[in-house]
Structures are given as structure tokens and as C-alpha cells.
Amino acid sequence: MNENAVTVIRNYVNENLFIPARNWSDYEFKRRSYERWAAHEIIKRVDKTPEKEPFFIILYFRYQMDALSSIREDSDAEFIFITARDTADEILELF
């Protein structure tokens, strides 16, 4: 099951989270970079735990990012975690 999930997520990354271009604004470049990081972190977690349902692995990652975004007072860190949480939400919709 998780091999299929990893393939689905990789396809999503390739189609929707392609590498940002150098001429993008600083904000968009960072946002896309954090989205890609989150997606690849999710892939890693899903791939490492084949005994667990991918949906719940992604949901837990989302929960962690949501919790981290609320405890950090640093706006850059908050942006990273909120972006990761939103990316997890988008990936959850695939399942």
C-alpha cells in the first residue's frame, strides 16, 4: 500500500510542486521550497513505516506542523510550519 502512496505523492510533487525558478519573488521561492521539503518529508515518513496507513502518517505530520506553528514566536519559523501544514492538507486530499 505504501509504495502506491509514495508514487501518488511523488506524482503530486512532480506535477504541482516543481522546482521554483530563480526569478520568482523571495516569498514565492521560499514558499515553494518549504512545500517541497514538507512533501519529501511526508514521502520519507510514509516509506519508512509500511505497516501504518499513509493517511494517518500524513495526518500526524500535519498535526505536528500545526503544533509547531503555534508555539514558535519567530515569524519565519511560523511561515515554514504553516506552509508545511497546508502542504499536508493538500496531500491528504489525495487519499
Protein backbone atom coordinates (compact mmCIF):
# COMPACT_ATOMS: atom_id res chain seq x y z
CA MET A 1 0.00 0.00 0.00
CA ASN A 2 2.69 2.50 0.94
CA GLU A 3 4.55 2.03 -2.34
CA ASN A 4 1.43 3.22 -4.13
CA ALA A 5 1.07 6.11 -1.69
CA VAL A 6 4.67 7.17 -2.25
CA THR A 7 4.09 7.08 -6.01
CA VAL A 8 0.93 9.19 -5.66
CA ILE A 9 2.75 11.79 -3.56
CA ARG A 10 5.78 11.85 -5.88
CA ASN A 11 3.48 12.39 -8.86
CA TYR A 12 1.81 15.25 -6.97
CA VAL A 13 5.20 16.83 -6.27
CA ASN A 14 6.29 16.48 -9.91
CA GLU A 15 3.06 17.95 -11.26
CA ASN A 16 2.34 20.65 -8.68
CA LEU A 17 5.45 21.38 -6.63
CA PHE A 18 8.06 21.68 -9.34
CA ILE A 19 11.37 23.36 -8.51
CA PRO A 20 10.99 27.14 -8.17
CA ALA A 21 12.63 29.40 -10.72
CA ARG A 22 15.34 31.84 -9.74
CA ASN A 23 13.30 34.79 -10.94
CA TRP A 24 10.40 34.10 -8.55
CA SER A 25 9.84 36.55 -5.74
CA ASP A 26 11.65 35.75 -2.50
CA TYR A 27 8.32 34.93 -0.83
CA GLU A 28 7.18 32.51 -3.56
CA PHE A 29 10.61 30.90 -3.81
CA LYS A 30 10.65 30.21 -0.06
CA ARG A 31 7.03 29.03 -0.02
CA ARG A 32 7.66 26.53 -2.82
CA SER A 33 10.88 25.34 -1.18
CA TYR A 34 9.04 24.71 2.11
CA GLU A 35 6.22 22.93 0.27
CA ARG A 36 8.74 20.65 -1.41
CA TRP A 37 10.50 19.99 1.89
CA ALA A 38 7.19 19.06 3.53
CA ALA A 39 6.18 16.75 0.68
CA HIS A 40 9.55 14.99 0.70
CA GLU A 41 9.40 14.64 4.49
CA ILE A 42 5.96 13.05 4.13
CA ILE A 43 7.28 10.68 1.46
CA LYS A 44 10.12 9.67 3.76
CA ARG A 45 7.78 9.01 6.68
CA VAL A 46 5.30 7.02 4.58
CA ASP A 47 8.10 4.98 3.04
CA LYS A 48 9.73 4.22 6.43
CA THR A 49 6.54 2.91 8.06
CA PRO A 50 4.88 0.49 5.63
CA GLU A 51 2.86 -1.09 8.44
CA LYS A 52 0.89 2.14 9.00
CA GLU A 53 -1.83 3.65 6.86
CA PRO A 54 -0.41 6.58 4.83
CA PHE A 55 -3.43 8.76 5.64
CA PHE A 56 -2.66 8.62 9.36
CA ILE A 57 1.07 9.23 8.84
CA ILE A 58 0.26 12.36 6.85
CA LEU A 59 -2.37 13.44 9.37
CA TYR A 60 0.16 13.13 12.20
CA PHE A 61 2.71 15.18 10.24
CA ARG A 62 0.01 17.81 9.74
CA TYR A 63 -0.73 17.80 13.47
CA GLN A 64 2.97 18.24 14.27
CA MET A 65 3.32 21.16 11.86
CA ASP A 66 0.19 22.80 13.26
CA ALA A 67 1.51 22.46 16.81
CA LEU A 68 4.93 23.81 15.87
CA SER A 69 3.42 26.79 14.05
CA SER A 70 1.57 27.85 17.19
CA ILE A 71 4.47 27.61 19.65
CA ARG A 72 7.09 29.48 17.64
CA GLU A 73 7.14 33.25 18.03
CA ASP A 74 9.55 33.61 15.12
CA SER A 75 7.51 34.62 12.06
CA ASP A 76 9.90 32.83 9.67
CA ALA A 77 9.53 29.56 11.58
CA GLU A 78 5.77 30.04 11.77
CA PHE A 79 5.68 30.53 7.98
CA ILE A 80 7.64 27.31 7.43
CA PHE A 81 5.35 25.24 9.65
CA ILE A 82 2.12 26.75 8.32
CA THR A 83 3.29 26.11 4.77
CA ALA A 84 4.15 22.51 5.70
CA ARG A 85 0.75 22.06 7.36
CA ASP A 86 -1.03 23.40 4.27
CA THR A 87 1.02 21.08 2.06
CA ALA A 88 -0.01 18.13 4.22
CA ASP A 89 -3.64 19.21 3.81
CA GLU A 90 -3.26 19.19 0.03
CA ILE A 91 -1.61 15.75 0.08
CA LEU A 92 -4.28 14.38 2.43
CA GLU A 93 -6.88 15.21 -0.22
CA LEU A 94 -5.19 12.63 -2.48
CA PHE A 95 -6.16 9.89 -0.03
